[in-house]
N, C-alpha and C. Protein backbone atom coordinates (compact mmCIF):
# COMPACT_ATOMS: atom_id res chain seq x y z
N UNK A 1 3.66 -7.30 2.00
CA UNK A 1 4.44 -8.12 1.01
C UNK A 1 5.26 -9.25 1.96
N UNK A 2 5.27 -10.28 1.34
CA UNK A 2 6.23 -11.31 2.11
C UNK A 2 7.05 -11.91 0.97
N UNK A 3 8.42 -12.01 0.97
CA UNK A 3 9.32 -12.48 0.31
C UNK A 3 9.29 -13.96 0.23
N UNK A 4 9.84 -14.48 -0.88
CA UNK A 4 9.78 -15.89 -0.94
C UNK A 4 10.41 -16.63 0.29
N UNK A 5 11.49 -16.07 0.95
CA UNK A 5 11.98 -16.55 2.09
C UNK A 5 11.35 -16.12 3.45
N UNK A 6 10.05 -15.58 3.08
CA UNK A 6 9.18 -15.46 4.63
C UNK A 6 9.56 -14.23 5.12
N UNK A 7 10.18 -13.10 4.60
CA UNK A 7 10.51 -11.80 5.32
C UNK A 7 9.34 -10.97 5.05
N UNK A 8 8.50 -10.47 5.90
CA UNK A 8 7.35 -9.71 6.01
C UNK A 8 7.66 -8.28 5.70
N UNK A 9 7.44 -7.41 4.82
CA UNK A 9 7.40 -6.02 4.76
C UNK A 9 5.88 -5.53 4.71
N UNK A 10 5.66 -4.54 5.60
CA UNK A 10 4.45 -3.86 5.49
C UNK A 10 4.48 -2.30 5.81
N UNK A 11 3.93 -1.66 5.00
CA UNK A 11 4.15 -0.38 4.99
C UNK A 11 2.45 0.29 4.82
N UNK A 12 2.31 1.65 5.07
CA UNK A 12 1.17 2.16 4.71
C UNK A 12 1.67 3.47 3.82
N UNK A 13 0.70 4.25 3.60
CA UNK A 13 1.05 5.27 2.55
C UNK A 13 0.34 6.52 3.22
N UNK A 14 0.94 7.56 2.85
CA UNK A 14 0.52 9.02 3.10
C UNK A 14 -0.42 9.44 2.00
N UNK A 15 -1.17 10.62 2.11
CA UNK A 15 -1.93 11.01 0.99
C UNK A 15 -1.22 11.13 -0.19
N UNK A 16 -0.09 11.65 -0.23
CA UNK A 16 0.88 11.90 -1.26
C UNK A 16 1.62 10.81 -1.95
N UNK A 17 1.33 9.69 -1.32
CA UNK A 17 1.93 8.39 -1.74
C UNK A 17 3.34 7.98 -1.27
N UNK A 18 3.78 8.69 -0.31
CA UNK A 18 5.00 8.20 0.44
C UNK A 18 4.75 6.96 1.15
N UNK A 19 5.81 6.08 1.40
CA UNK A 19 5.65 5.00 2.18
C UNK A 19 6.01 5.24 3.44
N UNK A 20 5.02 4.84 4.73
CA UNK A 20 5.29 5.00 6.08
C UNK A 20 5.30 3.92 6.73
N UNK A 21 5.79 3.73 7.89
CA UNK A 21 5.74 2.65 8.81
C UNK A 21 5.80 2.93 10.32
N UNK A 22 5.25 2.43 11.11
CA UNK A 22 5.18 2.53 12.66
C UNK A 22 6.14 1.46 13.23
N UNK A 23 6.22 1.53 14.60
CA UNK A 23 7.15 0.62 15.31
C UNK A 23 6.54 -0.89 15.37
N UNK A 24 5.15 -0.88 15.26
CA UNK A 24 4.56 -2.15 15.22
C UNK A 24 4.83 -2.89 13.96
N UNK A 25 4.93 -2.15 12.81
CA UNK A 25 5.29 -2.86 11.46
C UNK A 25 6.78 -3.16 11.47
N UNK A 26 7.48 -2.39 12.11
CA UNK A 26 8.99 -2.49 12.28
C UNK A 26 9.23 -3.88 13.09
N UNK A 27 8.71 -4.02 14.10
CA UNK A 27 8.78 -5.13 14.89
C UNK A 27 8.35 -6.71 14.14
N UNK A 28 7.34 -6.13 13.42
CA UNK A 28 6.73 -7.41 12.54
C UNK A 28 7.72 -7.76 11.65
N UNK A 29 8.43 -6.88 11.09
CA UNK A 29 9.48 -7.09 9.88
C UNK A 29 10.62 -7.92 10.68
N UNK A 30 11.06 -7.42 11.79
CA UNK A 30 12.19 -8.17 12.65
C UNK A 30 11.88 -9.45 13.04
N UNK A 31 10.64 -9.88 13.39
CA UNK A 31 10.04 -11.01 13.90
C UNK A 31 10.10 -12.07 12.52
N UNK A 32 9.93 -11.32 11.21
CA UNK A 32 10.00 -12.34 10.03
C UNK A 32 11.38 -12.59 9.53
N UNK A 33 12.39 -11.87 10.11
CA UNK A 33 13.70 -12.44 9.64
C UNK A 33 14.24 -13.82 10.30
N UNK A 34 15.03 -14.17 9.50
CA UNK A 34 15.63 -15.50 10.22
C UNK A 34 16.16 -15.77 11.55
N UNK A 35 16.70 -14.46 11.97
CA UNK A 35 17.16 -14.60 13.40
C UNK A 35 16.13 -14.36 14.46
N UNK A 36 15.04 -13.59 13.91
CA UNK A 36 13.91 -13.24 14.91
C UNK A 36 14.45 -12.34 15.95
N UNK A 37 15.43 -11.64 15.89
CA UNK A 37 15.98 -10.94 16.96
C UNK A 37 14.87 -9.82 17.19
N UNK A 38 14.07 -9.52 17.97
CA UNK A 38 13.20 -8.41 17.98
C UNK A 38 13.55 -7.62 19.55
N UNK A 39 14.28 -6.44 19.22
CA UNK A 39 14.52 -5.53 20.32
C UNK A 39 13.00 -5.02 21.15
N UNK A 40 13.26 -4.63 22.09
CA UNK A 40 12.00 -4.05 22.78
C UNK A 40 11.49 -2.74 22.28
N UNK A 41 10.41 -2.33 22.46
CA UNK A 41 9.82 -1.42 21.62
C UNK A 41 10.51 -0.06 22.06
N UNK A 42 11.06 0.22 23.27
CA UNK A 42 11.79 1.63 23.34
C UNK A 42 13.14 1.37 22.58
N UNK A 43 13.71 0.42 22.32
CA UNK A 43 14.81 0.18 21.89
C UNK A 43 14.69 0.49 20.37
N UNK A 44 13.39 0.19 19.62
CA UNK A 44 13.29 0.46 18.40
C UNK A 44 13.11 1.75 18.14
N UNK A 45 12.06 2.26 19.21
CA UNK A 45 11.99 3.85 18.96
C UNK A 45 13.25 4.61 19.07
N UNK A 46 14.11 4.30 20.05
CA UNK A 46 15.42 5.13 19.93
C UNK A 46 16.20 4.97 18.84
N UNK A 47 16.08 3.69 18.25
CA UNK A 47 16.88 3.45 17.06
C UNK A 47 16.26 4.31 15.85
N UNK A 48 15.10 4.31 15.88
CA UNK A 48 14.44 5.01 14.50
C UNK A 48 14.54 6.58 14.86
N UNK A 49 14.67 7.02 16.07
CA UNK A 49 14.80 8.33 16.31
C UNK A 49 16.20 8.56 16.21
N UNK A 50 17.07 7.87 16.24
CA UNK A 50 18.62 8.06 16.23
C UNK A 50 19.03 8.02 14.80
N UNK A 51 17.91 8.24 13.73
CA UNK A 51 18.39 8.20 12.33
C UNK A 51 17.61 9.44 11.67
N UNK A 52 18.11 10.73 12.27
CA UNK A 52 17.15 12.02 11.69
C UNK A 52 17.64 12.19 10.45
N UNK A 53 18.77 11.80 10.04
CA UNK A 53 19.00 12.15 8.49
C UNK A 53 18.47 11.12 7.41
N UNK A 54 17.86 9.87 7.95
CA UNK A 54 17.56 8.88 7.23
C UNK A 54 15.77 8.95 7.30
N UNK A 55 15.39 9.23 8.30
CA UNK A 55 13.91 9.04 8.82
C UNK A 55 13.44 10.37 9.20
N UNK A 56 12.18 10.65 8.67
CA UNK A 56 11.27 11.68 9.29
C UNK A 56 10.12 11.36 9.99
N UNK A 57 9.81 11.80 10.96
CA UNK A 57 8.55 11.31 11.65
C UNK A 57 7.38 12.12 11.18
N UNK A 58 6.48 11.60 10.28
CA UNK A 58 5.65 12.16 9.60
C UNK A 58 4.19 12.52 10.61
N UNK A 59 3.79 11.78 11.42
CA UNK A 59 3.06 12.12 12.48
C UNK A 59 3.32 11.09 13.65
N UNK A 60 2.83 11.33 14.74
CA UNK A 60 3.45 10.71 15.94
C UNK A 60 3.32 9.06 15.88
N UNK A 61 4.70 8.72 15.86
CA UNK A 61 4.85 7.36 15.76
C UNK A 61 4.91 6.66 14.31
N UNK A 62 4.87 7.60 13.35
CA UNK A 62 4.86 7.13 11.86
C UNK A 62 6.09 7.78 11.09
N UNK A 63 6.91 6.83 10.59
CA UNK A 63 8.19 7.37 9.99
C UNK A 63 8.12 7.09 8.35
N UNK A 64 8.82 7.90 7.95
CA UNK A 64 9.24 7.81 6.31
C UNK A 64 10.80 7.99 6.12
N UNK A 65 11.17 7.47 5.12
CA UNK A 65 12.71 7.69 4.65
C UNK A 65 12.74 9.11 4.23
N UNK A 66 13.46 9.82 4.39
CA UNK A 66 13.53 11.31 4.24
C UNK A 66 14.01 11.48 2.76
N UNK A 67 13.50 12.34 2.28
CA UNK A 67 13.77 12.58 0.75
C UNK A 67 14.94 13.60 0.79
N UNK A 68 15.91 13.31 -0.16
CA UNK A 68 17.22 14.11 -0.30
C UNK A 68 16.63 15.50 -0.80
N UNK A 69 17.24 16.61 -0.52
CA UNK A 69 16.90 17.93 -1.12
C UNK A 69 16.83 17.95 -2.42
N UNK A 70 15.92 18.70 -3.22
CA UNK A 70 16.00 18.70 -4.58
C UNK A 70 16.88 19.69 -5.12
N UNK A 71 17.72 19.35 -6.13
CA UNK A 71 18.62 20.34 -6.65
C UNK A 71 17.92 21.13 -7.95
N UNK A 72 18.01 22.34 -8.15
CA UNK A 72 17.28 22.88 -8.93
C UNK A 72 18.41 23.33 -10.23
């Protein structure tokens, strides 16, 4: 998807319908922002891995937003 101001958002989906992304897609998103500041791949990986409460690695190199625990 591309917003009217040119910001690119690209995700894939798991079999159960969760949105997932990889570092390539994250870099593509960063390049589409007005600032176009794209950190090196190792910095992107460190940033993503530094958010364990927010993101879950669903398969090597692919991440999704962590789901909050269900309350019963």
